[in-house]
Protein backbone atom coordinates (compact mmCIF):
# COMPACT_ATOMS: atom_id res chain seq x y z
CA UNK A 1 102.79 66.55 131.15
CA UNK A 2 104.88 67.21 134.25
CA UNK A 3 106.64 70.58 134.08
CA UNK A 4 109.40 69.45 136.46
CA UNK A 5 111.04 67.12 133.89
CA UNK A 6 114.65 67.89 133.08
CA UNK A 7 115.36 69.75 129.89
CA UNK A 8 117.21 66.71 128.51
CA UNK A 9 114.19 64.46 129.04
CA UNK A 10 111.91 67.08 127.55
CA UNK A 11 114.09 67.39 124.44
CA UNK A 12 114.24 63.60 124.07
CA UNK A 13 110.45 63.35 124.19
CA UNK A 14 110.01 66.19 121.69
CA UNK A 15 112.43 64.57 119.24
CA UNK A 16 110.59 61.27 119.65
CA UNK A 17 107.26 62.97 118.96
CA UNK A 18 108.68 64.64 115.84
CA UNK A 19 109.67 61.21 114.58
CA UNK A 20 106.23 59.79 115.36
CA UNK A 21 104.62 62.61 113.39
CA UNK A 22 106.79 61.72 110.38
CA UNK A 23 108.82 64.92 110.29
CA UNK A 24 111.66 64.51 107.79
CA UNK A 25 115.12 63.40 108.86
CA UNK A 26 116.60 66.77 107.89
CA UNK A 27 114.02 68.64 109.96
CA UNK A 28 114.60 66.44 113.00
CA UNK A 29 118.35 66.92 112.64
CA UNK A 30 117.85 70.70 112.66
CA UNK A 31 115.77 70.49 115.83
CA UNK A 32 118.36 68.23 117.47
CA UNK A 33 121.24 70.62 116.73
CA UNK A 34 119.26 73.60 117.99
CA UNK A 35 118.29 71.84 121.21
CA UNK A 36 121.92 70.93 121.87
CA UNK A 37 122.67 74.66 121.98
CA UNK A 38 119.71 75.23 124.32
CA UNK A 39 120.95 72.47 126.66
CA UNK A 40 124.48 73.93 126.65
CA UNK A 41 123.02 77.34 127.50
CA UNK A 42 120.97 75.84 130.34
CA UNK A 43 124.06 74.07 131.71
CA UNK A 44 126.05 77.31 131.65
CA UNK A 45 123.20 79.04 133.53
CA UNK A 46 123.04 76.23 136.07
CA UNK A 47 119.44 75.34 135.21
CA UNK A 48 118.15 71.82 134.73
CA UNK A 49 114.44 72.40 134.05
CA UNK A 50 113.10 74.14 130.95
CA UNK A 51 111.01 77.27 131.40
CA UNK A 52 109.66 80.02 129.19
CA UNK A 53 112.06 82.42 130.87
CA UNK A 54 115.00 80.18 130.00
CA UNK A 55 113.88 79.96 126.36
CA UNK A 56 113.53 83.72 126.10
CA UNK A 57 116.94 84.33 127.66
CA UNK A 58 118.50 81.88 125.22
CA UNK A 59 116.94 83.67 122.23
CA UNK A 60 117.89 87.07 123.58
CA UNK A 61 121.51 86.02 124.19
CA UNK A 62 122.04 84.19 120.91
CA UNK A 63 119.74 86.02 118.47
CA UNK A 64 118.87 89.37 120.14
CA UNK A 65 115.10 88.81 120.33
CA UNK A 66 112.62 86.87 122.45
CA UNK A 67 109.14 85.45 121.98
CA UNK A 68 107.53 88.42 123.74
CA UNK A 69 108.84 90.80 121.06
CA UNK A 70 108.85 88.33 118.16
CA UNK A 71 107.08 89.22 114.92
CA UNK A 72 107.67 87.44 111.62
CA UNK A 73 108.20 90.72 109.78
CA UNK A 74 110.92 91.86 112.19
CA UNK A 75 112.66 88.50 112.66
CA UNK A 76 111.88 86.58 109.47
CA UNK A 77 115.36 85.07 109.38
CA UNK A 78 114.86 83.64 112.90
CA UNK A 79 111.50 81.97 112.22
CA UNK A 80 112.90 78.46 112.70
CA UNK A 81 114.56 79.37 116.01
CA UNK A 82 111.31 80.83 117.34
CA UNK A 83 109.43 77.73 116.23
CA UNK A 84 111.90 75.38 117.96
CA UNK A 85 111.55 77.24 121.26
CA UNK A 86 107.76 77.31 120.97
CA UNK A 87 107.69 73.55 120.37
CA UNK A 88 109.49 72.97 123.69
CA UNK A 89 107.05 75.18 125.57
CA UNK A 90 103.98 73.70 123.85
CA UNK A 91 105.05 70.14 124.57
CA UNK A 92 105.83 70.93 128.19
CA UNK A 93 102.39 72.52 128.71
CA UNK A 94 100.14 70.42 126.50
CA UNK A 95 102.00 67.18 125.85
CA UNK A 96 101.83 67.63 122.07
CA UNK A 97 103.46 69.53 119.25
CA UNK A 98 100.93 72.11 118.17
CA UNK A 99 100.91 72.53 114.43
CA UNK A 100 100.69 76.22 113.69
CA UNK A 101 100.58 75.06 110.08
CA UNK A 102 99.52 71.60 108.95
CA UNK A 103 102.69 69.72 108.05
CA UNK A 104 101.13 67.14 105.75
CA UNK A 105 100.75 68.22 102.12
CA UNK A 106 98.21 67.33 100.93
CA UNK A 107 96.48 67.09 104.30
CA UNK A 108 96.15 63.42 105.33
CA UNK A 109 93.21 62.66 107.58
CA UNK A 110 92.99 59.65 109.83
CA UNK A 111 90.40 57.25 108.32
CA UNK A 112 88.07 57.80 111.28
CA UNK A 113 87.92 61.55 110.66
CA UNK A 114 87.94 61.59 106.85
CA UNK A 115 84.22 61.05 106.32
CA UNK A 116 83.13 63.68 108.85
CA UNK A 117 85.58 66.28 107.53
CA UNK A 118 84.52 65.70 103.93
CA UNK A 119 80.85 66.05 104.90
CA UNK A 120 81.59 69.26 106.81
CA UNK A 121 83.46 70.80 103.87
CA UNK A 122 80.57 69.93 101.56
CA UNK A 123 78.17 71.59 103.99
CA UNK A 124 80.35 74.72 104.02
CA UNK A 125 80.24 74.70 100.23
CA UNK A 126 76.44 74.60 100.29
CA UNK A 127 76.52 77.68 102.51
CA UNK A 128 78.33 79.55 99.71
CA UNK A 129 81.36 80.60 101.73
CA UNK A 130 83.93 82.49 99.68
CA UNK A 131 87.12 80.77 98.55
CA UNK A 132 89.16 82.65 101.15
CA UNK A 133 86.59 81.92 103.84
CA UNK A 134 86.66 78.23 103.02
CA UNK A 135 90.47 78.11 103.16
CA UNK A 136 90.54 79.67 106.62
CA UNK A 137 87.70 77.50 107.94
CA UNK A 138 89.26 74.27 106.63
CA UNK A 139 92.67 75.22 108.01
CA UNK A 140 91.30 75.92 111.49
CA UNK A 141 89.26 72.71 111.50
CA UNK A 142 92.28 70.62 110.53
CA UNK A 143 94.31 72.14 113.37
CA UNK A 144 91.66 70.89 115.81
CA UNK A 145 91.71 67.43 114.21
CA UNK A 146 95.52 67.44 114.44
CA UNK A 147 95.24 68.20 118.15
CA UNK A 148 92.89 65.25 118.68
CA UNK A 149 95.15 62.97 116.66
CA UNK A 150 98.25 64.05 118.60
CA UNK A 151 96.48 63.09 121.84
CA UNK A 152 95.60 59.62 120.59
CA UNK A 153 91.91 60.39 119.92
CA UNK A 154 90.98 58.73 116.65
CA UNK A 155 87.18 58.68 117.04
CA UNK A 156 84.80 61.61 117.32
CA UNK A 157 82.34 59.92 119.68
CA UNK A 158 84.65 60.02 122.78
CA UNK A 159 85.34 63.76 122.41
CA UNK A 160 84.12 65.63 125.49
CA UNK A 161 83.90 69.17 126.74
CA UNK A 162 87.18 68.60 128.57
CA UNK A 163 88.95 67.97 125.27
CA UNK A 164 87.46 71.18 123.91
CA UNK A 165 88.60 73.14 126.95
CA UNK A 166 92.13 71.72 126.76
CA UNK A 167 92.36 72.59 123.06
CA UNK A 168 91.20 76.16 123.67
CA UNK A 169 93.99 76.57 126.24
CA UNK A 170 96.53 75.95 123.48
CA UNK A 171 95.45 79.08 121.57
CA UNK A 172 95.58 81.42 124.58
CA UNK A 173 98.62 83.30 123.22
CA UNK A 174 97.11 83.98 119.80
CA UNK A 175 95.90 87.38 118.61
CA UNK A 176 92.40 88.22 119.79
CA UNK A 177 90.96 88.15 116.27
CA UNK A 178 92.59 84.78 115.59
CA UNK A 179 91.14 83.33 118.79
CA UNK A 180 87.70 84.62 117.83
CA UNK A 181 87.93 83.04 114.36
CA UNK A 182 89.15 79.70 115.77
CA UNK A 183 86.33 79.57 118.34
CA UNK A 184 83.72 80.43 115.71
CA UNK A 185 84.95 77.67 113.39
CA UNK A 186 85.14 75.17 116.24
CA UNK A 187 81.60 76.00 117.32
CA UNK A 188 80.36 75.55 113.74
CA UNK A 189 82.17 72.22 113.31
CA UNK A 190 80.88 70.78 116.60
CA UNK A 191 77.32 71.87 115.80
CA UNK A 192 77.61 70.11 112.44
CA UNK A 193 78.89 66.90 114.07
CA UNK A 194 75.79 66.82 116.27
CA UNK A 195 73.28 67.61 113.51
CA UNK A 196 74.86 65.12 111.09
CA UNK A 197 74.86 62.37 113.71
CA UNK A 198 78.61 62.06 114.21
CA UNK A 199 78.30 62.90 117.91
CA UNK A 200 75.43 62.28 120.32
CA UNK A 201 75.84 65.63 122.07
CA UNK A 202 76.00 69.20 120.82
CA UNK A 203 79.39 70.31 122.17
CA UNK A 204 79.23 73.73 120.53
CA UNK A 205 77.82 75.10 123.78
CA UNK A 206 81.05 74.11 125.54
CA UNK A 207 83.07 76.48 123.36
CA UNK A 208 83.73 79.72 125.22
CA UNK A 209 82.50 82.93 123.68
CA UNK A 210 84.97 85.77 123.28
CA UNK A 211 83.64 89.29 123.43
CA UNK A 212 85.06 91.03 120.40
CA UNK A 213 84.14 94.73 120.38
CA UNK A 214 84.16 96.21 116.92
CA UNK A 215 86.99 98.71 117.05
CA UNK A 216 88.39 98.84 113.50
CA UNK A 217 92.08 99.58 113.52
CA UNK A 218 93.35 102.76 111.95
CA UNK A 219 93.99 102.09 108.25
CA UNK A 220 97.60 102.18 107.04
CA UNK A 221 98.19 104.93 104.51
CA UNK A 222 101.05 106.28 102.43
CA UNK A 223 102.22 109.85 102.21
CA UNK A 224 101.39 111.32 98.78
CA UNK A 225 105.09 111.87 98.11
CA UNK A 226 105.82 108.21 98.82
CA UNK A 227 103.15 107.11 96.35
CA UNK A 228 104.74 109.31 93.68
CA UNK A 229 108.18 107.89 94.49
CA UNK A 230 106.77 104.36 94.32
CA UNK A 231 105.34 104.89 90.84
CA UNK A 232 108.46 106.68 89.65
CA UNK A 233 110.63 103.73 90.70
CA UNK A 234 108.96 101.36 88.21
CA UNK A 235 111.09 100.57 85.18
CA UNK A 236 108.55 101.00 82.40
CA UNK A 237 111.08 99.97 79.78
CA UNK A 238 110.56 96.24 80.37
CA UNK A 239 107.40 94.10 80.08
CA UNK A 240 107.06 93.34 83.80
CA UNK A 241 107.50 97.01 84.64
CA UNK A 242 104.72 97.99 82.21
CA UNK A 243 102.37 95.49 83.84
CA UNK A 244 103.30 96.47 87.40
CA UNK A 245 102.98 100.18 86.65
CA UNK A 246 99.45 99.69 85.28
CA UNK A 247 98.48 97.62 88.33
CA UNK A 248 99.85 100.16 90.81
CA UNK A 249 98.09 102.99 88.97
CA UNK A 250 94.75 101.18 89.06
CA UNK A 251 95.03 100.55 92.79
CA UNK A 252 96.29 104.01 93.75
CA UNK A 253 94.00 106.00 91.41
CA UNK A 254 90.82 103.88 91.42
CA UNK A 255 91.12 101.95 94.70
CA UNK A 256 90.33 98.61 93.06
CA UNK A 257 90.76 95.54 95.24
CA UNK A 258 93.55 93.08 94.44
CA UNK A 259 91.10 90.21 93.86
CA UNK A 260 89.27 92.27 91.25
CA UNK A 261 92.55 93.21 89.56
CA UNK A 262 93.56 89.55 89.38
CA UNK A 263 90.21 88.67 87.80
CA UNK A 264 90.19 91.67 85.44
CA UNK A 265 89.55 90.50 81.87
CA UNK A 266 90.07 92.12 78.51
CA UNK A 267 86.30 92.04 78.05
CA UNK A 268 85.88 94.28 81.12
CA UNK A 269 87.55 97.18 79.26
CA UNK A 270 84.96 99.32 77.48
CA UNK A 271 87.06 101.68 75.40
CA UNK A 272 83.98 103.28 73.82
CA UNK A 273 82.80 104.61 77.18
CA UNK A 274 86.30 104.69 78.69
CA UNK A 275 85.21 102.56 81.65
CA UNK A 276 86.21 99.34 83.39
CA UNK A 277 83.03 97.41 84.15
CA UNK A 278 83.22 94.54 86.64
CA UNK A 279 81.22 92.66 89.24
CA UNK A 280 83.15 93.01 92.50
CA UNK A 281 84.24 89.71 93.94
CA UNK A 282 83.64 90.76 97.56
CA UNK A 283 80.28 92.53 97.29
CA UNK A 284 78.91 90.90 94.10
CA UNK A 285 77.89 94.41 93.03
CA UNK A 286 78.38 95.79 89.52
CA UNK A 287 80.83 98.68 89.46
CA UNK A 288 82.03 100.97 86.68
CA UNK A 289 85.47 102.59 87.01
CA UNK A 290 86.61 105.42 84.72
CA UNK A 291 89.65 104.74 82.55
CA UNK A 292 91.60 107.87 83.46
CA UNK A 293 94.13 109.15 80.94
CA UNK A 294 97.24 107.88 82.73
CA UNK A 295 95.62 104.50 83.43
CA UNK A 296 94.42 104.18 79.84
CA UNK A 297 97.84 104.88 78.35
CA UNK A 298 99.53 102.53 80.84
CA UNK A 299 97.15 99.70 79.87
CA UNK A 300 97.63 100.38 76.16
CA UNK A 301 101.41 100.40 76.58
CA UNK A 302 101.23 97.08 78.40
CA UNK A 303 98.93 95.46 75.84
CA UNK A 304 101.00 96.61 72.86
CA UNK A 305 104.52 96.28 74.23
CA UNK A 306 104.54 94.21 77.42
CA UNK A 307 101.87 91.50 77.62
CA UNK A 308 103.12 88.04 76.54
CA UNK A 309 101.34 86.23 73.72
CA UNK A 310 98.79 84.13 75.53
CA UNK A 311 95.27 82.77 75.14
CA UNK A 312 94.38 83.91 78.65
CA UNK A 313 91.31 86.18 78.79
CA UNK A 314 92.75 88.03 81.79
CA UNK A 315 94.26 91.47 81.34
CA UNK A 316 97.22 90.91 83.68
CA UNK A 317 99.14 87.64 83.46
CA UNK A 318 102.30 86.17 84.90
CA UNK A 319 105.43 86.80 82.87
CA UNK A 320 106.90 83.36 83.55
CA UNK A 321 105.65 80.46 81.48
CA UNK A 322 102.92 79.36 81.42
CA UNK A 323 101.60 82.87 80.75
CA UNK A 324 98.40 82.59 82.74
CA UNK A 325 96.47 84.65 85.24
CA UNK A 326 97.85 85.18 88.75
CA UNK A 327 97.01 82.44 91.24
CA UNK A 328 93.75 82.59 93.17
CA UNK A 329 95.59 83.46 96.39
CA UNK A 330 98.21 85.86 94.97
CA UNK A 331 98.15 89.13 96.93
CA UNK A 332 100.67 90.86 94.61
CA UNK A 333 102.58 92.06 97.66
CA UNK A 334 105.89 91.28 95.96
CA UNK A 335 105.14 94.00 93.42
CA UNK A 336 104.65 96.82 95.89
CA UNK A 337 107.40 95.62 98.24
CA UNK A 338 110.01 95.42 95.48
CA UNK A 339 109.40 98.91 94.14
CA UNK A 340 109.15 100.37 97.64
CA UNK A 341 112.68 99.10 98.29
CA UNK A 342 113.88 100.58 94.99
CA UNK A 343 112.33 103.90 95.95
CA UNK A 344 114.06 103.83 99.35
CA UNK A 345 110.76 103.77 101.25
CA UNK A 346 111.12 102.21 104.69
CA UNK A 347 108.48 99.50 105.18
CA UNK A 348 109.67 98.30 108.59
CA UNK A 349 107.45 100.58 110.63
CA UNK A 350 104.96 98.00 111.89
CA UNK A 351 102.23 99.38 109.61
CA UNK A 352 100.80 97.39 106.71
CA UNK A 353 102.16 98.45 103.34
CA UNK A 354 100.43 96.00 101.01
CA UNK A 355 98.29 96.75 97.97
CA UNK A 356 95.28 97.43 100.17
CA UNK A 357 97.14 100.29 101.86
CA UNK A 358 97.09 102.18 98.54
CA UNK A 359 93.32 101.81 98.58
CA UNK A 360 93.30 103.27 102.10
CA UNK A 361 95.49 106.12 100.88
CA UNK A 362 93.05 107.00 98.09
CA UNK A 363 90.16 107.09 100.56
CA UNK A 364 92.01 109.30 103.05
CA UNK A 365 93.13 111.66 100.27
CA UNK A 366 89.57 112.04 99.00
CA UNK A 367 88.40 112.71 102.54
CA UNK A 368 91.03 115.41 103.05
CA UNK A 369 89.83 117.04 99.84
CA UNK A 370 86.32 117.29 101.27
CA UNK A 371 84.74 114.47 99.28
CA UNK A 372 81.49 113.34 100.99
CA UNK A 373 81.56 109.87 102.57
CA UNK A 374 78.76 108.47 100.32
CA UNK A 375 80.83 109.41 97.25
CA UNK A 376 83.97 107.78 98.68
CA UNK A 377 81.89 104.71 99.55
CA UNK A 378 80.70 104.48 95.95
CA UNK A 379 84.24 104.90 94.58
CA UNK A 380 85.59 102.13 96.82
CA UNK A 381 82.64 99.86 96.14
CA UNK A 382 81.47 99.68 99.76
CA UNK A 383 77.98 98.31 100.28
CA UNK A 384 77.47 100.65 103.25
CA UNK A 385 79.01 103.96 104.32
CA UNK A 386 79.64 102.31 107.70
CA UNK A 387 82.62 100.59 106.07
CA UNK A 388 83.91 103.98 104.95
CA UNK A 389 83.56 105.65 108.35
CA UNK A 390 86.84 104.09 109.50
CA UNK A 391 88.74 106.55 107.28
CA UNK A 392 87.55 109.39 109.49
CA UNK A 393 90.27 108.23 111.89
CA UNK A 394 93.05 109.26 109.50
CA UNK A 395 91.61 112.69 108.57
CA UNK A 396 93.73 114.47 111.17
CA UNK A 397 93.06 118.02 109.95
CA UNK A 398 89.29 117.69 110.33
CA UNK A 399 89.74 115.84 113.62
CA UNK A 400 91.74 118.81 114.94
CA UNK A 401 88.85 121.07 113.96
CA UNK A 402 86.58 118.95 116.16
CA UNK A 403 88.83 119.28 119.20
CA UNK A 404 87.67 121.50 122.04
CA UNK A 405 89.73 124.50 123.12
CA UNK A 406 90.14 124.06 126.92
CA UNK A 407 90.51 127.81 127.48
CA UNK A 408 87.27 128.49 125.64
CA UNK A 409 85.47 125.80 127.62
CA UNK A 410 86.66 127.23 130.94
CA UNK A 411 85.73 130.75 129.93
CA UNK A 412 82.15 129.74 129.25
CA UNK A 413 81.89 127.22 132.07
C-alpha cells in the first residue's frame, strides 16, 4: 500500500477492513473512537500523513508510553491502545490487519485451506508432538493462513516464494525466539504441502534461516527471605489456602514442574515409603520425590480439611464447581502472583516470577550449598546435566572465586 496516503484515508480503509473481517460492531466502534483522537492529534501537530513517529508521539502524549518501550506486563491497561496503533502501522506497511491472535473462535478455515490444515495437524499428531507443542505449531500455522486469506489468496497452488518473503517481513519486529519458532513452523508446513501433493514445489527452501545461538538467559530466582514471606502470606485457615500452600511447598522444596503438579494423582502418593512417584510429563522419566515433613503435613491438612468432595483422581482440584482438575493449560500463576502481592513482594522488576522461578530458586540454593550438579540434575528431573549448567550463572559467590585478581596477574606477568 502507498505510505503517502492521508491519515483519514488510512483510517477509513482500516475500518473497512475490520468490517470485512467480521469484527464485532462494538470492537469497530472502539477503533473508530480511538482513531478520531489520533486524527485530532495529527491535526494539532500539523501532520496529514500517518507515520510510526506520529503514533508513538500520540501514545506518549496521551498515555505516557510508546511502542518502543511497550510491554504487556508494564502497560496491561493500555493493551487496546497499543493494538490500535499497531493496526494502523501494519496496514500502512503490509496492506492487511495482522492477527497477533486469531480472532475467530473456534478457528474458521476457508474451505480451500481446511483439508490441507487438517491433514497437517494429523501429521503433527503422528509425530507425537506434545500438547503445548501442538498448540504453538497450530497457532503459528493459522497466522500464516490468515495472512494469505487477508491478501485474497484462497488456494495453496498460487503461493510463491514472494508471498513467503512478504509474510516474513511482517514478523520483523517480533522477539528473536518468536521469529525462529515461526520460521521453523512455516518451513515444516511448506515441506508438508509439497510432500502431500498440495503444492508442486517445495517452498520450504525459500524460508530464511535465522541463526539462533544457544545463550540461555539467566534464570529468575527469589531471595530466600521472599520465599519465606510468600509462604507465610498464605491463609491456611481456608480450603483454597490449604491447597495453595501445599502446591507452593511442593514447588519450592521439591522443584516439581507445574504440569506434573496439575497431573498429580492420589495414587502417586506412597505413604508407606513417604515418596511421590510420578512419570514426568516433559521427560517421560520415572521420578521419586520424598514427602518431606512439612509437605506431608500440608497435604494431609488439605485432604482432611480443604479438598472438596469430588470423584476426581487428581490430588489438587479447582475449588469452584465442578470440582475437577486444573485445565490442561493452567500455569497456576494466579496463585503465586496473588500471595506475592499479599506479602508485599514487588513483581514489576522485568524478571519472571512464575511458578517455574521457584524451581530456579531451589536449584540456585542447592548450588550455593555446594550440591554437585549431577545431584541437582537428578532432583530437578533433568535428562542431562547440560540443562542444569545454566544455574551456574546465578551462583555469584563461586563466580567471584573464579575471577582473576588483576594485580596478581600483573605481578606474575
